Amino acid sequence: MKQLILGLARIIGLFKLAQWLTRDRLRILAYHGIWEGDGHFGNFLFMKPATFESRMRFLNEWGATVLPLSKALELLSEKRLPEKAVVITIDDGWQSSCKHMSEILCAAGYPATLYVSSYYADKQSPVFDVALAYLFQLAEESKQAVCIQLNAAGTTSKAPQVVTLSQLQDYARSLDSDEQRQSLLAAVAESIGESYESLCASRTFHLANSSELASMSSRGIDLQLHTHRHRTRSATESSLASEISENRQWLEQLTSKPLVHFCYPSGLNEPEDWPVLKELGIESATTTDSGLARESSNIYCLPRILDGENLSNLELEAEMSGFLELVRQVISFSRLTNRSSP
């Protein structure tokens, strides 16, 4: 039904009207990694190389003006943004982003910002939470139960027990080191007949290493901040300042450009984060909230258009034209009106 409605809206000219009405707004596209394995995993986390390449062709055919993030924000603040202005952002720094996205972007001649989380880039082990979710997906597809022995961090099990993904995620938070988490990941892999060694060798769930990231920087990809451990809070306390400081210190070895742009891990942010960012010299911060950025937008809470493997070309065009942005505004206004009605 959604595809039919969007198709009709496009045919009768509502996409073009929305594009004109939102002509002074900035479209910030958000990507993550490239999926190199069989099948697919993670709609908005990974996409196939061919899908990303087709998105770059769409931008060209649509007539987008793709700008570096800093320049786009400068023009936005000065109300001099060209129509169809677009910024391409890529989160996390997956090795597959370096391997595939950088080549496609260079071929298209498009600048991009890569927000890098540095802990796993430095460790060069699989990103635990994502690799764990993948193994559980494999278990579900093969109708297997994950059955392992838990014997660390004060929790013991003399015999293997069936565990759920959420149970292991909670359990992993009690572990003291990445080495312990990687041992847990190996146990999960073994329990469903998978090889942890093969998982590591494939680097499917690895972030790019320092050499790969430096290579991307030398090719014009702007490396920016995404925290060190992909978090802004430790337990109940904010660790935003220390996370950004560690992240910045690590990235300064790889680029000479100012590290002043930030992306919230998983898009999670609170108003109390904004003064911290300002004090750290951060000039912009992006979220995973859907929308287009305006001149009046909070520079520390910028919305983006999150692109994914399962997003159709029509849905992407609806977002890029501003049609879905206007639909969201109408719905929001309607809800506010209903609440204020007696």
Protein backbone atom coordinates (compact mmCIF):
# COMPACT_ATOMS: atom_id res chain seq x y z
CA MET A 1 0.00 0.00 0.00
CA LYS A 2 2.81 2.40 0.88
CA GLN A 3 4.48 1.86 -2.50
CA LEU A 4 1.17 2.50 -4.28
CA ILE A 5 0.56 5.75 -2.37
CA LEU A 6 4.09 6.97 -2.99
CA GLY A 7 3.84 6.04 -6.67
CA LEU A 8 0.62 8.02 -7.06
CA ALA A 9 2.12 10.98 -5.19
CA ARG A 10 5.05 10.97 -7.56
CA ILE A 11 2.86 10.70 -10.68
CA ILE A 12 0.62 13.64 -9.75
CA GLY A 13 3.60 15.87 -8.98
CA LEU A 14 3.66 15.90 -5.19
CA PHE A 15 7.35 14.92 -5.11
CA LYS A 16 8.26 17.95 -7.23
CA LEU A 17 6.08 20.23 -5.13
CA ALA A 18 7.69 18.93 -1.93
CA GLN A 19 11.12 19.39 -3.46
CA TRP A 20 10.34 23.06 -4.16
CA LEU A 21 8.87 23.61 -0.68
CA THR A 22 11.98 22.11 0.96
CA ARG A 23 14.50 23.58 -1.46
CA ASP A 24 16.34 25.41 1.34
CA ARG A 25 16.85 22.28 3.44
CA LEU A 26 19.87 19.98 3.58
CA ARG A 27 19.60 16.26 2.87
CA ILE A 28 22.13 14.37 5.03
CA LEU A 29 22.28 10.74 3.95
CA ALA A 30 23.37 8.11 6.49
CA TYR A 31 25.03 4.81 5.61
CA HIS A 32 26.89 2.17 7.58
CA GLY A 33 28.70 -0.81 6.06
CA ILE A 34 28.68 -3.12 3.05
CA TRP A 35 27.51 -6.72 3.33
CA GLU A 36 29.94 -9.12 1.64
CA GLY A 37 28.52 -12.46 2.79
CA ASP A 38 25.74 -14.70 1.54
CA GLY A 39 22.14 -13.63 1.99
CA HIS A 40 21.79 -10.43 3.95
CA PHE A 41 22.16 -9.17 7.50
CA GLY A 42 21.19 -5.83 8.99
CA ASN A 43 18.85 -3.71 6.86
CA PHE A 44 20.14 -0.30 7.95
CA LEU A 45 23.51 -1.58 9.14
CA PHE A 46 24.76 -3.19 5.94
CA MET A 47 23.83 -2.99 2.28
CA LYS A 48 25.11 -4.75 -0.80
CA PRO A 49 27.79 -3.04 -2.91
CA ALA A 50 25.44 -2.91 -5.89
CA THR A 51 22.78 -1.16 -3.79
CA PHE A 52 25.19 1.54 -2.65
CA GLU A 53 26.42 2.00 -6.21
CA SER A 54 22.83 2.39 -7.42
CA ARG A 55 22.22 5.05 -4.74
CA MET A 56 25.16 7.07 -6.04
CA ARG A 57 23.76 6.79 -9.58
CA PHE A 58 20.41 8.00 -8.26
CA LEU A 59 22.05 11.09 -6.79
CA ASN A 60 23.61 11.88 -10.15
CA GLU A 61 20.37 11.32 -12.07
CA TRP A 62 18.37 13.30 -9.51
CA GLY A 63 20.73 16.24 -9.98
CA ALA A 64 22.02 16.35 -6.41
CA THR A 65 24.75 18.77 -5.41
CA VAL A 66 26.87 16.63 -3.09
CA LEU A 67 28.85 18.79 -0.68
CA PRO A 68 31.39 18.20 2.08
CA LEU A 69 29.72 18.36 5.49
CA SER A 70 31.53 21.50 6.69
CA LYS A 71 30.76 23.43 3.50
CA ALA A 72 27.12 22.34 3.48
CA LEU A 73 26.58 23.46 7.08
CA GLU A 74 28.26 26.78 6.36
CA LEU A 75 25.98 27.42 3.36
CA LEU A 76 22.94 26.27 5.35
CA SER A 77 23.67 28.75 8.15
CA GLU A 78 24.12 31.54 5.59
CA LYS A 79 20.92 30.61 3.74
CA ARG A 80 22.93 30.09 0.56
CA LEU A 81 22.38 26.35 0.17
CA PRO A 82 21.90 25.24 -3.45
CA GLU A 83 18.78 23.24 -4.28
CA LYS A 84 19.09 19.48 -3.89
CA ALA A 85 22.08 19.90 -1.59
CA VAL A 86 23.21 16.54 -0.19
CA VAL A 87 25.81 15.36 2.32
CA ILE A 88 26.90 11.71 2.46
CA THR A 89 27.77 10.35 5.90
CA ILE A 90 28.94 6.85 6.81
CA ASP A 91 28.90 5.58 10.40
CA ASP A 92 31.26 3.35 12.39
CA GLY A 93 34.11 2.75 9.93
CA TRP A 94 33.53 -0.85 8.87
CA GLN A 95 36.32 -2.38 6.82
CA SER A 96 33.77 -3.03 4.09
CA SER A 97 33.14 0.72 3.89
CA CYS A 98 36.82 1.23 3.12
CA LYS A 99 36.91 -1.63 0.67
CA HIS A 100 33.79 -0.80 -1.35
CA MET A 101 32.29 2.58 -0.52
CA SER A 102 35.48 4.56 -0.96
CA GLU A 103 35.95 3.15 -4.48
CA ILE A 104 32.35 3.91 -5.46
CA LEU A 105 32.50 7.42 -3.99
CA CYS A 106 35.77 8.21 -5.73
CA ALA A 107 34.39 6.97 -9.04
CA ALA A 108 31.35 9.22 -8.59
CA GLY A 109 33.48 12.16 -7.47
CA TYR A 110 31.47 12.58 -4.27
CA PRO A 111 32.89 13.77 -0.93
CA ALA A 112 31.78 11.97 2.21
CA THR A 113 32.19 12.04 5.98
CA LEU A 114 33.14 8.83 7.79
CA TYR A 115 32.31 8.82 11.49
CA VAL A 116 34.82 6.42 13.09
CA SER A 117 34.43 4.56 16.37
CA SER A 118 38.00 3.79 17.37
CA TYR A 119 37.97 1.01 20.01
CA TYR A 120 37.40 -1.92 17.64
CA ALA A 121 39.36 -0.18 14.89
CA ASP A 122 42.32 -0.35 17.24
CA LYS A 123 41.56 -3.82 18.68
CA GLN A 124 40.95 -5.45 15.29
CA SER A 125 38.58 -8.08 16.65
CA PRO A 126 34.96 -8.58 15.57
CA VAL A 127 32.53 -5.98 16.91
CA PHE A 128 30.99 -8.11 19.64
CA ASP A 129 27.34 -7.01 19.71
CA VAL A 130 26.92 -7.10 15.93
CA ALA A 131 28.74 -10.42 15.45
CA LEU A 132 26.70 -11.94 18.29
CA ALA A 133 23.42 -10.85 16.69
CA TYR A 134 24.58 -12.39 13.41
CA LEU A 135 25.36 -15.74 15.04
CA PHE A 136 21.91 -15.78 16.62
CA GLN A 137 20.38 -15.07 13.22
CA LEU A 138 22.28 -18.07 11.82
CA ALA A 139 21.02 -20.18 14.72
CA GLU A 140 17.45 -19.12 14.07
CA GLU A 141 17.73 -19.80 10.34
CA SER A 142 19.07 -23.29 11.02
CA LYS A 143 16.56 -23.85 13.84
CA GLN A 144 19.29 -24.37 16.44
CA ALA A 145 19.40 -23.30 20.06
CA VAL A 146 22.50 -21.55 21.40
CA CYS A 147 23.66 -23.74 24.26
CA ILE A 148 26.83 -22.72 26.11
CA GLN A 149 28.47 -22.76 29.52
CA LEU A 150 28.72 -19.42 31.33
CA ASN A 151 31.64 -19.40 33.72
CA ALA A 152 32.89 -15.88 34.21
CA ALA A 153 32.06 -12.62 35.99
CA GLY A 154 30.44 -14.32 38.95
CA THR A 155 27.96 -16.33 36.91
CA THR A 156 28.63 -20.04 36.69
CA SER A 157 26.99 -22.94 34.99
CA LYS A 158 28.44 -26.41 35.47
CA ALA A 159 26.53 -27.62 32.44
CA PRO A 160 25.78 -25.88 29.14
CA GLN A 161 22.49 -24.05 29.11
CA VAL A 162 20.24 -22.64 26.40
CA VAL A 163 20.57 -18.87 26.27
CA THR A 164 18.84 -16.05 24.39
CA LEU A 165 20.43 -13.11 22.63
CA SER A 166 19.24 -10.64 25.27
CA GLN A 167 20.59 -12.85 28.07
CA LEU A 168 24.04 -12.96 26.49
CA GLN A 169 24.02 -9.24 25.78
CA ASP A 170 23.30 -8.59 29.45
CA TYR A 171 25.90 -11.14 30.52
CA ALA A 172 28.55 -9.64 28.24
CA ARG A 173 28.18 -6.25 29.91
CA SER A 174 29.48 -7.81 33.12
CA LEU A 175 32.70 -9.00 31.47
CA ASP A 176 35.85 -7.03 32.13
CA SER A 177 37.61 -7.22 28.78
CA ASP A 178 37.17 -7.66 25.06
CA GLU A 179 39.19 -10.85 25.31
CA GLN A 180 36.46 -12.34 27.52
CA ARG A 181 33.76 -11.17 25.13
CA GLN A 182 35.61 -12.68 22.19
CA SER A 183 35.88 -16.00 24.06
CA LEU A 184 32.13 -15.86 24.60
CA LEU A 185 31.62 -15.16 20.90
CA ALA A 186 33.79 -18.18 20.04
CA ALA A 187 31.72 -20.38 22.34
CA VAL A 188 28.49 -19.22 20.69
CA ALA A 189 29.92 -19.89 17.23
CA GLU A 190 31.07 -23.37 18.22
CA SER A 191 27.66 -24.20 19.73
CA ILE A 192 25.96 -23.76 16.34
CA GLY A 193 28.71 -25.34 14.24
CA GLU A 194 30.33 -22.10 13.08
CA SER A 195 33.99 -21.19 13.19
CA TYR A 196 35.12 -18.18 15.18
CA GLU A 197 38.45 -18.29 13.35
CA SER A 198 36.70 -18.08 9.99
CA LEU A 199 34.58 -15.19 11.27
CA CYS A 200 37.73 -13.33 12.21
CA ALA A 201 39.53 -14.18 8.97
CA SER A 202 36.65 -12.85 6.87
CA ARG A 203 36.74 -9.50 8.74
CA THR A 204 33.00 -9.21 8.09
CA PHE A 205 32.47 -7.65 11.50
CA HIS A 206 35.77 -5.78 11.75
CA LEU A 207 36.15 -2.04 11.63
CA ALA A 208 38.82 -0.72 9.30
CA ASN A 209 42.33 -0.60 10.71
CA SER A 210 44.45 2.53 10.97
CA SER A 211 46.16 1.96 7.60
CA GLU A 212 42.83 1.52 5.81
CA LEU A 213 41.37 4.60 7.45
CA ALA A 214 44.45 6.68 6.65
CA SER A 215 44.11 5.55 3.03
CA MET A 216 40.49 6.70 2.97
CA SER A 217 41.51 10.05 4.42
CA SER A 218 44.16 10.48 1.73
CA ARG A 219 41.47 9.86 -0.91
CA GLY A 220 39.34 12.71 0.36
CA ILE A 221 37.03 10.94 2.81
CA ASP A 222 36.67 13.16 5.88
CA LEU A 223 37.26 11.15 9.07
CA GLN A 224 35.23 12.44 12.02
CA LEU A 225 34.17 11.54 15.56
CA HIS A 226 31.89 8.71 16.72
CA THR A 227 33.20 8.03 20.29
CA HIS A 228 35.87 5.51 21.22
CA ARG A 229 33.66 2.69 22.51
CA HIS A 230 30.45 3.52 20.61
CA ARG A 231 28.72 4.81 23.72
CA THR A 232 28.06 8.10 25.47
CA ARG A 233 27.18 6.69 28.87
CA SER A 234 28.84 4.26 31.26
CA ALA A 235 26.19 2.69 33.50
CA THR A 236 24.09 5.73 34.43
CA GLU A 237 26.78 8.42 34.11
CA SER A 238 27.70 10.38 31.02
CA SER A 239 31.06 9.45 29.53
CA LEU A 240 30.60 11.64 26.46
CA ALA A 241 33.56 13.96 27.10
CA SER A 242 36.05 11.15 27.76
CA GLU A 243 34.74 9.08 24.86
CA ILE A 244 35.17 11.94 22.40
CA SER A 245 38.59 12.83 23.79
CA GLU A 246 39.86 9.25 23.37
CA ASN A 247 38.28 9.04 19.93
CA ARG A 248 39.84 12.34 18.86
CA GLN A 249 43.28 11.39 20.18
CA TRP A 250 43.21 8.13 18.21
CA LEU A 251 42.02 9.74 14.98
CA GLU A 252 44.53 12.59 15.13
CA GLN A 253 47.17 10.05 14.12
CA LEU A 254 45.36 9.46 10.82
CA THR A 255 44.24 12.87 9.60
CA SER A 256 45.43 16.45 9.76
CA LYS A 257 41.91 17.84 9.32
CA PRO A 258 40.08 19.34 12.32
CA LEU A 259 38.02 16.75 14.18
CA VAL A 260 34.98 18.87 14.91
CA HIS A 261 32.00 16.88 13.62
CA PHE A 262 30.32 14.17 15.66
CA CYS A 263 27.73 11.44 15.22
CA TYR A 264 25.90 10.06 18.25
CA PRO A 265 26.30 6.26 18.61
CA SER A 266 22.96 4.73 17.59
CA GLY A 267 21.69 8.31 17.36
CA LEU A 268 21.04 8.45 21.12
CA ASN A 269 21.38 11.90 22.64
CA GLU A 270 20.09 14.09 25.45
CA PRO A 271 19.86 17.89 25.73
CA GLU A 272 22.54 17.81 28.45
CA ASP A 273 24.97 16.48 25.82
CA TRP A 274 24.87 19.68 23.79
CA PRO A 275 26.84 21.96 26.15
CA VAL A 276 29.46 19.22 26.49
CA LEU A 277 29.88 19.11 22.72
CA LYS A 278 30.20 22.88 22.54
CA GLU A 279 32.88 22.88 25.24
CA LEU A 280 34.80 20.21 23.29
CA GLY A 281 34.78 22.37 20.17
CA ILE A 282 32.32 20.21 18.27
CA GLU A 283 30.69 22.15 15.42
CA SER A 284 27.93 19.69 14.49
CA ALA A 285 26.33 16.46 15.67
CA THR A 286 24.12 14.14 13.65
CA THR A 287 21.43 11.76 14.87
CA THR A 288 19.40 8.92 13.35
CA ASP A 289 16.21 10.99 13.52
CA SER A 290 14.53 11.08 10.10
CA GLY A 291 14.30 14.45 8.41
CA LEU A 292 15.93 17.30 6.54
CA ALA A 293 18.15 19.89 8.21
CA ARG A 294 17.02 23.52 8.21
CA GLU A 295 18.84 26.76 8.93
CA SER A 296 16.99 26.78 12.26
CA SER A 297 17.88 23.19 13.18
CA ASN A 298 19.81 22.54 16.37
CA ILE A 299 23.38 22.07 15.14
CA TYR A 300 23.86 19.42 17.85
CA CYS A 301 20.79 17.44 16.85
CA LEU A 302 20.80 17.24 13.06
CA PRO A 303 18.41 14.77 11.39
CA ARG A 304 19.45 12.50 8.55
CA ILE A 305 17.94 10.21 5.92
CA LEU A 306 18.85 6.66 6.96
CA ASP A 307 19.30 4.54 3.84
CA GLY A 308 19.13 0.75 3.98
CA GLU A 309 19.19 -2.35 1.82
CA ASN A 310 15.42 -2.84 2.03
CA LEU A 311 14.54 0.78 1.30
CA SER A 312 13.09 0.94 -2.21
CA ASN A 313 14.24 3.50 -4.76
CA LEU A 314 10.79 5.06 -4.58
CA GLU A 315 10.98 5.42 -0.79
CA LEU A 316 14.42 6.99 -1.07
CA GLU A 317 13.16 9.46 -3.66
CA ALA A 318 10.20 10.27 -1.41
CA GLU A 319 12.66 11.10 1.37
CA MET A 320 15.03 13.03 -0.85
CA SER A 321 12.27 15.09 -2.44
CA GLY A 322 11.03 16.12 0.99
CA PHE A 323 7.62 14.53 0.48
CA LEU A 324 7.90 12.23 3.52
CA GLU A 325 9.33 15.11 5.54
CA LEU A 326 6.19 17.14 4.84
CA VAL A 327 3.99 14.13 5.60
CA ARG A 328 5.67 13.77 8.99
CA GLN A 329 5.12 17.47 9.68
CA VAL A 330 1.43 17.22 8.81
CA ILE A 331 1.01 14.18 11.08
CA SER A 332 2.87 15.92 13.92
CA PHE A 333 0.75 19.06 13.55
CA SER A 334 -2.42 16.97 13.50
CA ARG A 335 -1.44 15.21 16.73
CA LEU A 336 -0.68 18.50 18.46
CA THR A 337 -4.00 19.91 17.32
CA ASN A 338 -5.88 16.88 18.63
CA ARG A 339 -4.15 17.12 22.01
CA SER A 340 -5.04 20.79 22.37
CA SER A 341 -8.65 20.23 21.41
CA PRO A 342 -11.16 20.13 24.34
